[in-house]
PDB file of N, CA and C in Angstrom:
ATOM      1  N   MET A   1    -129.297  -9.739 107.816  1.00  0.00           N
ATOM      2  CA  MET A   1    -128.576  -8.800 106.975  1.00  0.00           C
ATOM      3  C   MET A   1    -127.809  -9.538 105.872  1.00  0.00           C
ATOM      4  N   LEU A   2    -127.143 -10.610 106.248  1.00  0.00           N
ATOM      5  CA  LEU A   2    -126.391 -11.381 105.268  1.00  0.00           C
ATOM      6  C   LEU A   2    -127.310 -11.982 104.211  1.00  0.00           C
ATOM      7  N   ALA A   3    -128.510 -12.366 104.648  1.00  0.00           N
ATOM      8  CA  ALA A   3    -129.473 -12.929 103.693  1.00  0.00           C
ATOM      9  C   ALA A   3    -129.854 -11.886 102.648  1.00  0.00           C
ATOM     10  N   MET A   4    -130.007 -10.635 103.068  1.00  0.00           N
ATOM     11  CA  MET A   4    -130.365  -9.572 102.120  1.00  0.00           C
ATOM     12  C   MET A   4    -129.228  -9.321 101.128  1.00  0.00           C
ATOM     13  N   ILE A   5    -128.018  -9.403 101.600  1.00  0.00           N
ATOM     14  CA  ILE A   5    -126.859  -9.183 100.734  1.00  0.00           C
ATOM     15  C   ILE A   5    -126.770 -10.281  99.678  1.00  0.00           C
ATOM     16  N   ASN A   6    -127.027 -11.505 100.080  1.00  0.00           N
ATOM     17  CA  ASN A   6    -126.902 -12.643  99.166  1.00  0.00           C
ATOM     18  C   ASN A   6    -128.158 -12.902  98.333  1.00  0.00           C
ATOM     19  N   ASN A   7    -129.274 -12.284  98.687  1.00  0.00           N
ATOM     20  CA  ASN A   7    -130.537 -12.527  98.003  1.00  0.00           C
ATOM     21  C   ASN A   7    -130.490 -11.951  96.588  1.00  0.00           C
ATOM     22  N   CYS A   8    -130.684 -12.807  95.598  1.00  0.00           N
ATOM     23  CA  CYS A   8    -130.622 -12.393  94.194  1.00  0.00           C
ATOM     24  C   CYS A   8    -132.001 -12.267  93.568  1.00  0.00           C
ATOM     25  N   SER A   9    -133.035 -12.153  94.394  1.00  0.00           N
ATOM     26  CA  SER A   9    -134.387 -12.059  93.849  1.00  0.00           C
ATOM     27  C   SER A   9    -134.579 -10.718  93.152  1.00  0.00           C
ATOM     28  N   LEU A  10    -135.499 -10.711  92.226  1.00  0.00           N
ATOM     29  CA  LEU A  10    -135.798  -9.486  91.490  1.00  0.00           C
ATOM     30  C   LEU A  10    -136.257  -8.380  92.436  1.00  0.00           C
ATOM     31  N   ARG A  11    -137.082  -8.741  93.402  1.00  0.00           N
ATOM     32  CA  ARG A  11    -137.588  -7.746  94.370  1.00  0.00           C
ATOM     33  C   ARG A  11    -136.441  -7.137  95.173  1.00  0.00           C
ATOM     34  N   ASN A  12    -135.518  -7.961  95.623  1.00  0.00           N
ATOM     35  CA  ASN A  12    -134.378  -7.476  96.395  1.00  0.00           C
ATOM     36  C   ASN A  12    -133.483  -6.569  95.546  1.00  0.00           C
ATOM     37  N   ILE A  13    -133.268  -6.941  94.310  1.00  0.00           N
ATOM     38  CA  ILE A  13    -132.429  -6.130  93.426  1.00  0.00           C
ATOM     39  C   ILE A  13    -133.094  -4.786  93.152  1.00  0.00           C
ATOM     40  N   LYS A  14    -134.412  -4.772  92.974  1.00  0.00           N
ATOM     41  CA  LYS A  14    -135.123  -3.504  92.789  1.00  0.00           C
ATOM     42  C   LYS A  14    -134.954  -2.607  94.020  1.00  0.00           C
ATOM     43  N   GLY A  15    -135.022  -3.206  95.190  1.00  0.00           N
ATOM     44  CA  GLY A  15    -134.804  -2.443  96.418  1.00  0.00           C
ATOM     45  C   GLY A  15    -133.400  -1.867  96.486  1.00  0.00           C
ATOM     46  N   LYS A  16    -132.432  -2.631  96.025  1.00  0.00           N
ATOM     47  CA  LYS A  16    -131.049  -2.152  96.019  1.00  0.00           C
ATOM     48  C   LYS A  16    -130.858  -1.029  95.001  1.00  0.00           C
ATOM     49  N   LEU A  17    -131.564  -1.095  93.877  1.00  0.00           N
ATOM     50  CA  LEU A  17    -131.504   0.005  92.908  1.00  0.00           C
ATOM     51  C   LEU A  17    -132.067   1.280  93.526  1.00  0.00           C
ATOM     52  N   ALA A  18    -133.169   1.158  94.263  1.00  0.00           N
ATOM     53  CA  ALA A  18    -133.762   2.317  94.934  1.00  0.00           C
ATOM     54  C   ALA A  18    -132.811   2.864  96.005  1.00  0.00           C
ATOM     55  N   ALA A  19    -132.190   1.968  96.771  1.00  0.00           N
ATOM     56  CA  ALA A  19    -131.239   2.398  97.802  1.00  0.00           C
ATOM     57  C   ALA A  19    -130.047   3.115  97.179  1.00  0.00           C
ATOM     58  N   LEU A  20    -129.588   2.611  96.059  1.00  0.00           N
ATOM     59  CA  LEU A  20    -128.476   3.249  95.353  1.00  0.00           C
ATOM     60  C   LEU A  20    -128.838   4.669  94.936  1.00  0.00           C
ATOM     61  N   TYR A  21    -130.051   4.858  94.439  1.00  0.00           N
ATOM     62  CA  TYR A  21    -130.476   6.193  94.021  1.00  0.00           C
ATOM     63  C   TYR A  21    -130.557   7.132  95.223  1.00  0.00           C
ATOM     64  N   VAL A  22    -131.089   6.647  96.335  1.00  0.00           N
ATOM     65  CA  VAL A  22    -131.174   7.469  97.544  1.00  0.00           C
ATOM     66  C   VAL A  22    -129.775   7.848  98.031  1.00  0.00           C
ATOM     67  N   LEU A  23    -128.861   6.897  98.029  1.00  0.00           N
ATOM     68  CA  LEU A  23    -127.483   7.204  98.435  1.00  0.00           C
ATOM     69  C   LEU A  23    -126.840   8.228  97.508  1.00  0.00           C
ATOM     70  N   ASN A  24    -127.136   8.154  96.224  1.00  0.00           N
ATOM     71  CA  ASN A  24    -126.628   9.127  95.264  1.00  0.00           C
ATOM     72  C   ASN A  24    -127.169  10.526  95.587  1.00  0.00           C
ATOM     73  N   LEU A  25    -128.457  10.606  95.901  1.00  0.00           N
ATOM     74  CA  LEU A  25    -129.060  11.904  96.231  1.00  0.00           C
ATOM     75  C   LEU A  25    -128.509  12.465  97.539  1.00  0.00           C
ATOM     76  N   THR A  26    -128.341  11.601  98.542  1.00  0.00           N
ATOM     77  CA  THR A  26    -127.791  12.100  99.800  1.00  0.00           C
ATOM     78  C   THR A  26    -126.337  12.539  99.623  1.00  0.00           C
ATOM     79  N   ASP A  27    -125.611  11.873  98.740  1.00  0.00           N
ATOM     80  CA  ASP A  27    -124.245  12.305  98.420  1.00  0.00           C
ATOM     81  C   ASP A  27    -124.272  13.727  97.877  1.00  0.00           C
ATOM     82  N   LEU A  28    -125.205  14.006  96.987  1.00  0.00           N
ATOM     83  CA  LEU A  28    -125.322  15.360  96.428  1.00  0.00           C
ATOM     84  C   LEU A  28    -125.655  16.374  97.516  1.00  0.00           C
ATOM     85  N   VAL A  29    -126.622  16.067  98.349  1.00  0.00           N
ATOM     86  CA  VAL A  29    -127.034  16.997  99.413  1.00  0.00           C
ATOM     87  C   VAL A  29    -125.879  17.260 100.370  1.00  0.00           C
ATOM     88  N   PHE A  30    -125.228  16.191 100.831  1.00  0.00           N
ATOM     89  CA  PHE A  30    -124.086  16.361 101.737  1.00  0.00           C
ATOM     90  C   PHE A  30    -122.965  17.158 101.074  1.00  0.00           C
ATOM     91  N   THR A  31    -122.680  16.864  99.815  1.00  0.00           N
ATOM     92  CA  THR A  31    -121.620  17.565  99.097  1.00  0.00           C
ATOM     93  C   THR A  31    -121.935  19.050  98.992  1.00  0.00           C
ATOM     94  N   LEU A  32    -123.162  19.380  98.599  1.00  0.00           N
ATOM     95  CA  LEU A  32    -123.548  20.789  98.481  1.00  0.00           C
ATOM     96  C   LEU A  32    -123.433  21.507  99.822  1.00  0.00           C
ATOM     97  N   PHE A  33    -123.870  20.837 100.884  1.00  0.00           N
ATOM     98  CA  PHE A  33    -123.784  21.457 102.205  1.00  0.00           C
ATOM     99  C   PHE A  33    -122.323  21.685 102.606  1.00  0.00           C
ATOM    100  N   LEU A  34    -121.484  20.670 102.422  1.00  0.00           N
ATOM    101  CA  LEU A  34    -120.086  20.805 102.806  1.00  0.00           C
ATOM    102  C   LEU A  34    -119.358  21.838 101.944  1.00  0.00           C
ATOM    103  N   LEU A  35    -119.686  21.893 100.668  1.00  0.00           N
ATOM    104  CA  LEU A  35    -119.083  22.917  99.806  1.00  0.00           C
ATOM    105  C   LEU A  35    -119.495  24.311 100.270  1.00  0.00           C
ATOM    106  N   GLY A  36    -120.711  24.420 100.770  1.00  0.00           N
ATOM    107  CA  GLY A  36    -121.213  25.704 101.259  1.00  0.00           C
ATOM    108  C   GLY A  36    -120.475  26.219 102.476  1.00  0.00           C
ATOM    109  N   THR A  37    -119.803  25.338 103.206  1.00  0.00           N
ATOM    110  CA  THR A  37    -119.045  25.788 104.378  1.00  0.00           C
ATOM    111  C   THR A  37    -117.772  26.516 103.979  1.00  0.00           C
ATOM    112  N   GLY A  38    -117.305  26.277 102.751  1.00  0.00           N
ATOM    113  CA  GLY A  38    -116.067  26.889 102.302  1.00  0.00           C
ATOM    114  C   GLY A  38    -114.823  26.140 102.766  1.00  0.00           C
ATOM    115  N   LEU A  39    -115.018  25.070 103.514  1.00  0.00           N
ATOM    116  CA  LEU A  39    -113.892  24.298 104.040  1.00  0.00           C
ATOM    117  C   LEU A  39    -113.542  23.084 103.177  1.00  0.00           C
ATOM    118  N   PHE A  40    -114.385  22.816 102.196  1.00  0.00           N
ATOM    119  CA  PHE A  40    -114.225  21.606 101.402  1.00  0.00           C
ATOM    120  C   PHE A  40    -114.269  21.923  99.921  1.00  0.00           C
ATOM    121  N   GLN A  41    -113.759  20.998  99.125  1.00  0.00           N
ATOM    122  CA  GLN A  41    -113.896  21.098  97.679  1.00  0.00           C
ATOM    123  C   GLN A  41    -114.215  19.714  97.124  1.00  0.00           C
ATOM    124  N   GLU A  42    -114.869  19.695  95.995  1.00  0.00           N
ATOM    125  CA  GLU A  42    -115.227  18.442  95.335  1.00  0.00           C
ATOM    126  C   GLU A  42    -113.964  17.778  94.804  1.00  0.00           C
ATOM    127  N   ILE A  43    -113.792  16.498  95.082  1.00  0.00           N
ATOM    128  CA  ILE A  43    -112.615  15.768  94.621  1.00  0.00           C
ATOM    129  C   ILE A  43    -112.796  15.290  93.186  1.00  0.00           C
ATOM    130  N   ASN A  44    -114.007  14.866  92.861  1.00  0.00           N
ATOM    131  CA  ASN A  44    -114.308  14.345  91.526  1.00  0.00           C
ATOM    132  C   ASN A  44    -114.219  15.490  90.512  1.00  0.00           C
ATOM    133  N   PHE A  45    -113.294  15.381  89.579  1.00  0.00           N
ATOM    134  CA  PHE A  45    -113.049  16.452  88.608  1.00  0.00           C
ATOM    135  C   PHE A  45    -114.299  16.802  87.801  1.00  0.00           C
ATOM    136  N   ILE A  46    -115.011  15.789  87.340  1.00  0.00           N
ATOM    137  CA  ILE A  46    -116.217  16.027  86.528  1.00  0.00           C
ATOM    138  C   ILE A  46    -117.272  16.753  87.352  1.00  0.00           C
ATOM    139  N   MET A  47    -117.484  16.302  88.574  1.00  0.00           N
ATOM    140  CA  MET A  47    -118.502  16.950  89.412  1.00  0.00           C
ATOM    141  C   MET A  47    -118.046  18.336  89.871  1.00  0.00           C
ATOM    142  N   ARG A  48    -116.743  18.530  90.008  1.00  0.00           N
ATOM    143  CA  ARG A  48    -116.251  19.859  90.367  1.00  0.00           C
ATOM    144  C   ARG A  48    -116.659  20.870  89.288  1.00  0.00           C
ATOM    145  N   LEU A  49    -116.533  20.465  88.024  1.00  0.00           N
ATOM    146  CA  LEU A  49    -116.965  21.332  86.924  1.00  0.00           C
ATOM    147  C   LEU A  49    -118.484  21.463  86.899  1.00  0.00           C
ATOM    148  N   ALA A  50    -119.186  20.364  87.139  1.00  0.00           N
ATOM    149  CA  ALA A  50    -120.652  20.377  87.091  1.00  0.00           C
ATOM    150  C   ALA A  50    -121.249  21.228  88.201  1.00  0.00           C
ATOM    151  N   MET A  51    -120.601  21.300  89.339  1.00  0.00           N
ATOM    152  CA  MET A  51    -121.127  22.067  90.471  1.00  0.00           C
ATOM    153  C   MET A  51    -121.210  23.565  90.160  1.00  0.00           C
ATOM    154  N   LYS A  52    -120.493  23.999  89.141  1.00  0.00           N
ATOM    155  CA  LYS A  52    -120.523  25.410  88.766  1.00  0.00           C
ATOM    156  C   LYS A  52    -121.778  25.764  87.971  1.00  0.00           C
ATOM    157  N   ASP A  53    -122.477  24.761  87.458  1.00  0.00           N
ATOM    158  CA  ASP A  53    -123.689  24.961  86.656  1.00  0.00           C
ATOM    159  C   ASP A  53    -124.805  24.120  87.255  1.00  0.00           C
ATOM    160  N   ALA A  54    -125.815  24.773  87.837  1.00  0.00           N
ATOM    161  CA  ALA A  54    -126.893  24.068  88.539  1.00  0.00           C
ATOM    162  C   ALA A  54    -127.623  23.076  87.636  1.00  0.00           C
ATOM    163  N   VAL A  55    -127.883  23.460  86.396  1.00  0.00           N
ATOM    164  CA  VAL A  55    -128.611  22.567  85.482  1.00  0.00           C
ATOM    165  C   VAL A  55    -127.773  21.325  85.185  1.00  0.00           C
ATOM    166  N   LEU A  56    -126.507  21.513  84.910  1.00  0.00           N
ATOM    167  CA  LEU A  56    -125.621  20.384  84.634  1.00  0.00           C
ATOM    168  C   LEU A  56    -125.501  19.482  85.861  1.00  0.00           C
ATOM    169  N   CYS A  57    -125.408  20.072  87.016  1.00  0.00           N
ATOM    170  CA  CYS A  57    -125.319  19.313  88.258  1.00  0.00           C
ATOM    171  C   CYS A  57    -126.569  18.452  88.444  1.00  0.00           C
ATOM    172  N   ILE A  58    -127.729  19.028  88.237  1.00  0.00           N
ATOM    173  CA  ILE A  58    -128.985  18.290  88.369  1.00  0.00           C
ATOM    174  C   ILE A  58    -129.052  17.166  87.341  1.00  0.00           C
ATOM    175  N   MET A  59    -128.620  17.450  86.126  1.00  0.00           N
ATOM    176  CA  MET A  59    -128.635  16.424  85.084  1.00  0.00           C
ATOM    177  C   MET A  59    -127.725  15.251  85.451  1.00  0.00           C
ATOM    178  N   LEU A  60    -126.515  15.547  85.924  1.00  0.00           N
ATOM    179  CA  LEU A  60    -125.543  14.498  86.210  1.00  0.00           C
ATOM    180  C   LEU A  60    -125.829  13.718  87.492  1.00  0.00           C
ATOM    181  N   LYS A  61    -126.413  14.361  88.491  1.00  0.00           N
ATOM    182  CA  LYS A  61    -126.601  13.699  89.773  1.00  0.00           C
ATOM    183  C   LYS A  61    -128.035  13.257  90.040  1.00  0.00           C
ATOM    184  N   ILE A  62    -129.002  13.782  89.300  1.00  0.00           N
ATOM    185  CA  ILE A  62    -130.393  13.411  89.559  1.00  0.00           C
ATOM    186  C   ILE A  62    -131.027  12.736  88.352  1.00  0.00           C
ATOM    187  N   VAL A  63    -130.988  13.384  87.198  1.00  0.00           N
ATOM    188  CA  VAL A  63    -131.689  12.872  86.020  1.00  0.00           C
ATOM    189  C   VAL A  63    -130.975  11.670  85.406  1.00  0.00           C
ATOM    190  N   LEU A  64    -129.694  11.799  85.099  1.00  0.00           N
ATOM    191  CA  LEU A  64    -128.951  10.713  84.460  1.00  0.00           C
ATOM    192  C   LEU A  64    -128.975   9.418  85.287  1.00  0.00           C
ATOM    193  N   PRO A  65    -128.696   9.479  86.598  1.00  0.00           N
ATOM    194  CA  PRO A  65    -128.787   8.243  87.383  1.00  0.00           C
ATOM    195  C   PRO A  65    -130.203   7.649  87.396  1.00  0.00           C
ATOM    196  N   ALA A  66    -131.219   8.491  87.444  1.00  0.00           N
ATOM    197  CA  ALA A  66    -132.600   7.993  87.427  1.00  0.00           C
ATOM    198  C   ALA A  66    -132.882   7.254  86.123  1.00  0.00           C
ATOM    199  N   VAL A  67    -132.474   7.847  85.018  1.00  0.00           N
ATOM    200  CA  VAL A  67    -132.686   7.214  83.713  1.00  0.00           C
ATOM    201  C   VAL A  67    -131.917   5.891  83.637  1.00  0.00           C
ATOM    202  N   LEU A  68    -130.679   5.884  84.087  1.00  0.00           N
ATOM    203  CA  LEU A  68    -129.879   4.651  84.066  1.00  0.00           C
ATOM    204  C   LEU A  68    -130.489   3.562  84.951  1.00  0.00           C
ATOM    205  N   LEU A  69    -130.960   3.933  86.119  1.00  0.00           N
ATOM    206  CA  LEU A  69    -131.541   2.943  87.013  1.00  0.00           C
ATOM    207  C   LEU A  69    -132.877   2.419  86.480  1.00  0.00           C
ATOM    208  N   ILE A  70    -133.642   3.272  85.834  1.00  0.00           N
ATOM    209  CA  ILE A  70    -134.889   2.816  85.200  1.00  0.00           C
ATOM    210  C   ILE A  70    -134.559   1.833  84.079  1.00  0.00           C
ATOM    211  N   TYR A  71    -133.556   2.142  83.294  1.00  0.00           N
ATOM    212  CA  TYR A  71    -133.125   1.248  82.216  1.00  0.00           C
ATOM    213  C   TYR A  71    -132.638  -0.090  82.779  1.00  0.00           C
ATOM    214  N   ILE A  72    -131.809  -0.031  83.817  1.00  0.00           N
ATOM    215  CA  ILE A  72    -131.307  -1.265  84.437  1.00  0.00           C
ATOM    216  C   ILE A  72    -132.472  -2.072  85.005  1.00  0.00           C
ATOM    217  N   ASN A  73    -133.413  -1.394  85.635  1.00  0.00           N
ATOM    218  CA  ASN A  73    -134.589  -2.079  86.182  1.00  0.00           C
ATOM    219  C   ASN A  73    -135.364  -2.796  85.080  1.00  0.00           C
ATOM    220  N   ALA A  74    -135.534  -2.155  83.939  1.00  0.00           N
ATOM    221  CA  ALA A  74    -136.251  -2.776  82.825  1.00  0.00           C
ATOM    222  C   ALA A  74    -135.485  -3.985  82.293  1.00  0.00           C
ATOM    223  N   ARG A  75    -134.193  -3.874  82.204  1.00  0.00           N
ATOM    224  CA  ARG A  75    -133.365  -4.978  81.691  1.00  0.00           C
ATOM    225  C   ARG A  75    -133.296  -6.136  82.678  1.00  0.00           C
ATOM    226  N   ILE A  76    -133.260  -5.820  83.954  1.00  0.00           N
ATOM    227  CA  ILE A  76    -133.082  -6.851  84.972  1.00  0.00           C
ATOM    228  C   ILE A  76    -134.311  -7.759  85.065  1.00  0.00           C
ATOM    229  N   ARG A  77    -135.465  -7.251  84.669  1.00  0.00           N
ATOM    230  CA  ARG A  77    -136.698  -8.057  84.687  1.00  0.00           C
ATOM    231  C   ARG A  77    -136.592  -9.259  83.757  1.00  0.00           C
ATOM    232  N   LYS A  78    -135.797  -9.133  82.708  1.00  0.00           N
ATOM    233  CA  LYS A  78    -135.658 -10.190  81.708  1.00  0.00           C
ATOM    234  C   LYS A  78    -134.418 -11.064  81.936  1.00  0.00           C
ATOM    235  N   ALA A  79    -133.712 -10.792  83.016  1.00  0.00           N
ATOM    236  CA  ALA A  79    -132.432 -11.467  83.247  1.00  0.00           C
ATOM    237  C   ALA A  79    -132.623 -12.886  83.780  1.00  0.00           C
ATOM    238  N   CYS A  80    -131.688 -13.727  83.415  1.00  0.00           N
ATOM    239  CA  CYS A  80    -131.667 -15.096  83.928  1.00  0.00           C
ATOM    240  C   CYS A  80    -131.080 -15.079  85.345  1.00  0.00           C
ATOM    241  N   PRO A  81    -131.248 -16.151  86.101  1.00  0.00           N
ATOM    242  CA  PRO A  81    -130.724 -16.194  87.480  1.00  0.00           C
ATOM    243  C   PRO A  81    -129.229 -15.886  87.587  1.00  0.00           C
ATOM    244  N   GLU A  82    -128.451 -16.309  86.614  1.00  0.00           N
ATOM    245  CA  GLU A  82    -127.013 -16.035  86.637  1.00  0.00           C
ATOM    246  C   GLU A  82    -126.736 -14.527  86.540  1.00  0.00           C
ATOM    247  N   LYS A  83    -127.469 -13.858  85.664  1.00  0.00           N
ATOM    248  CA  LYS A  83    -127.305 -12.398  85.513  1.00  0.00           C
ATOM    249  C   LYS A  83    -127.795 -11.665  86.769  1.00  0.00           C
ATOM    250  N   LEU A  84    -128.869 -12.169  87.391  1.00  0.00           N
ATOM    251  CA  LEU A  84    -129.359 -11.557  88.629  1.00  0.00           C
ATOM    252  C   LEU A  84    -128.312 -11.664  89.731  1.00  0.00           C
ATOM    253  N   LYS A  85    -127.622 -12.795  89.774  1.00  0.00           N
ATOM    254  CA  LYS A  85    -126.570 -12.972  90.776  1.00  0.00           C
ATOM    255  C   LYS A  85    -125.435 -11.977  90.540  1.00  0.00           C
ATOM    256  N   THR A  86    -125.037 -11.822  89.290  1.00  0.00           N
ATOM    257  CA  THR A  86    -123.979 -10.858  88.950  1.00  0.00           C
ATOM    258  C   THR A  86    -124.415  -9.440  89.291  1.00  0.00           C
ATOM    259  N   ALA A  87    -125.651  -9.102  88.931  1.00  0.00           N
ATOM    260  CA  ALA A  87    -126.177  -7.765  89.235  1.00  0.00           C
ATOM    261  C   ALA A  87    -126.201  -7.530  90.736  1.00  0.00           C
ATOM    262  N   ASN A  88    -126.577  -8.545  91.495  1.00  0.00           N
ATOM    263  CA  ASN A  88    -126.634  -8.426  92.946  1.00  0.00           C
ATOM    264  C   ASN A  88    -125.256  -8.133  93.530  1.00  0.00           C
ATOM    265  N   VAL A  89    -124.244  -8.844  93.058  1.00  0.00           N
ATOM    266  CA  VAL A  89    -122.879  -8.630  93.549  1.00  0.00           C
ATOM    267  C   VAL A  89    -122.420  -7.205  93.212  1.00  0.00           C
ATOM    268  N   LEU A  90    -122.639  -6.780  91.981  1.00  0.00           N
ATOM    269  CA  LEU A  90    -122.236  -5.426  91.570  1.00  0.00           C
ATOM    270  C   LEU A  90    -122.961  -4.359  92.388  1.00  0.00           C
ATOM    271  N   LEU A  91    -124.248  -4.555  92.600  1.00  0.00           N
ATOM    272  CA  LEU A  91    -125.008  -3.588  93.401  1.00  0.00           C
ATOM    273  C   LEU A  91    -124.484  -3.538  94.830  1.00  0.00           C
ATOM    274  N   ASN A  92    -124.141  -4.686  95.396  1.00  0.00           N
ATOM    275  CA  ASN A  92    -123.582  -4.699  96.754  1.00  0.00           C
ATOM    276  C   ASN A  92    -122.292  -3.885  96.831  1.00  0.00           C
ATOM    277  N   VAL A  93    -121.442  -4.023  95.829  1.00  0.00           N
ATOM    278  CA  VAL A  93    -120.178  -3.282  95.799  1.00  0.00           C
ATOM    279  C   VAL A  93    -120.441  -1.780  95.667  1.00  0.00           C
ATOM    280  N   ILE A  94    -121.312  -1.405  94.738  1.00  0.00           N
ATOM    281  CA  ILE A  94    -121.587   0.016  94.495  1.00  0.00           C
ATOM    282  C   ILE A  94    -122.271   0.650  95.697  1.00  0.00           C
ATOM    283  N   ILE A  95    -123.226  -0.057  96.293  1.00  0.00           N
ATOM    284  CA  ILE A  95    -123.909   0.461  97.480  1.00  0.00           C
ATOM    285  C   ILE A  95    -122.917   0.628  98.623  1.00  0.00           C
ATOM    286  N   SER A  96    -122.017  -0.306  98.794  1.00  0.00           N
ATOM    287  CA  SER A  96    -120.994  -0.192  99.850  1.00  0.00           C
ATOM    288  C   SER A  96    -120.123   1.044  99.620  1.00  0.00           C
ATOM    289  N   PHE A  97    -119.734   1.262  98.379  1.00  0.00           N
ATOM    290  CA  PHE A  97    -118.926   2.430  98.029  1.00  0.00           C
ATOM    291  C   PHE A  97    -119.669   3.728  98.368  1.00  0.00           C
ATOM    292  N   TYR A  98    -120.924   3.832  97.936  1.00  0.00           N
ATOM    293  CA  TYR A  98    -121.705   5.036  98.219  1.00  0.00           C
ATOM    294  C   TYR A  98    -121.986   5.198  99.704  1.00  0.00           C
ATOM    295  N   ALA A  99    -122.183   4.087 100.410  1.00  0.00           N
ATOM    296  CA  ALA A  99    -122.400   4.164 101.852  1.00  0.00           C
ATOM    297  C   ALA A  99    -121.165   4.730 102.543  1.00  0.00           C
ATOM    298  N   LEU A 100    -119.980   4.303 102.102  1.00  0.00           N
ATOM    299  CA  LEU A 100    -118.741   4.846 102.672  1.00  0.00           C
ATOM    300  C   LEU A 100    -118.584   6.332 102.371  1.00  0.00           C
ATOM    301  N   ILE A 101    -118.943   6.732 101.170  1.00  0.00           N
ATOM    302  CA  ILE A 101    -118.880   8.154 100.818  1.00  0.00           C
ATOM    303  C   ILE A 101    -119.823   8.956 101.708  1.00  0.00           C
ATOM    304  N   ASN A 102    -121.047   8.454 101.881  1.00  0.00           N
ATOM    305  CA  ASN A 102    -122.008   9.153 102.723  1.00  0.00           C
ATOM    306  C   ASN A 102    -121.563   9.176 104.187  1.00  0.00           C
ATOM    307  N   LEU A 103    -120.983   8.083 104.655  1.00  0.00           N
ATOM    308  CA  LEU A 103    -120.462   8.048 106.020  1.00  0.00           C
ATOM    309  C   LEU A 103    -119.352   9.080 106.186  1.00  0.00           C
ATOM    310  N   ASN A 104    -118.489   9.185 105.195  1.00  0.00           N
ATOM    311  CA  ASN A 104    -117.435  10.199 105.216  1.00  0.00           C
ATOM    312  C   ASN A 104    -118.039  11.603 105.300  1.00  0.00           C
ATOM    313  N   HIS A 105    -119.074  11.851 104.515  1.00  0.00           N
ATOM    314  CA  HIS A 105    -119.743  13.159 104.565  1.00  0.00           C
ATOM    315  C   HIS A 105    -120.318  13.425 105.959  1.00  0.00           C
ATOM    316  N   ILE A 106    -120.952  12.430 106.545  1.00  0.00           N
ATOM    317  CA  ILE A 106    -121.552  12.598 107.867  1.00  0.00           C
ATOM    318  C   ILE A 106    -120.477  12.902 108.909  1.00  0.00           C
ATOM    319  N   ILE A 107    -119.371  12.194 108.840  1.00  0.00           N
ATOM    320  CA  ILE A 107    -118.268  12.460 109.774  1.00  0.00           C
ATOM    321  C   ILE A 107    -117.780  13.892 109.623  1.00  0.00           C
ATOM    322  N   TRP A 108    -117.613  14.355 108.372  1.00  0.00           N
ATOM    323  CA  TRP A 108    -117.155  15.730 108.159  1.00  0.00           C
ATOM    324  C   TRP A 108    -118.202  16.751 108.578  1.00  0.00           C
ATOM    325  N   LEU A 109    -119.476  16.422 108.454  1.00  0.00           N
ATOM    326  CA  LEU A 109    -120.523  17.325 108.938  1.00  0.00           C
ATOM    327  C   LEU A 109    -120.440  17.482 110.454  1.00  0.00           C
ATOM    328  N   VAL A 110    -120.200  16.389 111.150  1.00  0.00           N
ATOM    329  CA  VAL A 110    -120.068  16.449 112.607  1.00  0.00           C
ATOM    330  C   VAL A 110    -118.820  17.244 112.984  1.00  0.00           C
ATOM    331  N   ILE A 111    -117.709  16.966 112.326  1.00  0.00           N
ATOM    332  CA  ILE A 111    -116.475  17.704 112.616  1.00  0.00           C
ATOM    333  C   ILE A 111    -116.662  19.189 112.337  1.00  0.00           C
ATOM    334  N   THR A 112    -117.310  19.501 111.217  1.00  0.00           N
ATOM    335  CA  THR A 112    -117.559  20.907 110.860  1.00  0.00           C
ATOM    336  C   THR A 112    -118.432  21.601 111.906  1.00  0.00           C
ATOM    337  N   ALA A 113    -119.388  20.887 112.456  1.00  0.00           N
ATOM    338  CA  ALA A 113    -120.261  21.463 113.478  1.00  0.00           C
ATOM    339  C   ALA A 113    -119.452  21.866 114.722  1.00  0.00           C
ATOM    340  N   PHE A 114    -118.421  21.095 115.037  1.00  0.00           N
ATOM    341  CA  PHE A 114    -117.586  21.421 116.192  1.00  0.00           C
ATOM    342  C   PHE A 114    -116.582  22.539 115.889  1.00  0.00           C
ATOM    343  N   ILE A 115    -116.182  22.650 114.620  1.00  0.00           N
ATOM    344  CA  ILE A 115    -115.241  23.699 114.233  1.00  0.00           C
ATOM    345  C   ILE A 115    -115.921  25.060 114.211  1.00  0.00           C
ATOM    346  N   ALA A 116    -117.145  25.097 113.717  1.00  0.00           N
ATOM    347  CA  ALA A 116    -117.870  26.361 113.556  1.00  0.00           C
ATOM    348  C   ALA A 116    -118.411  26.856 114.831  1.00  0.00           C
TER     349      ALA A 116
END
């Protein structure tokens, strides 16, 4: 596991970009489900507004991140080893953040199941 975290190879970074996108999508799914219970509200002000418009929500949580990750993937192919190392560290931080958010959602889903 530690080797994967420290691995700065292009292949590993591409995998982390894919994992980041999946975590972003699961965040959306969990958020929508929890909002549907009526017991929760979106904390992120921008997403709270976006959740009121399905098209805007899809653009902000599905399309925009996909476009950004495709762009980053294209740029990372040309990066020097130093830039790959920096990208790897940043991806590790962002993935950890999203993993914690998703873990929080899962905990609240379990708690909600016992409340209902």
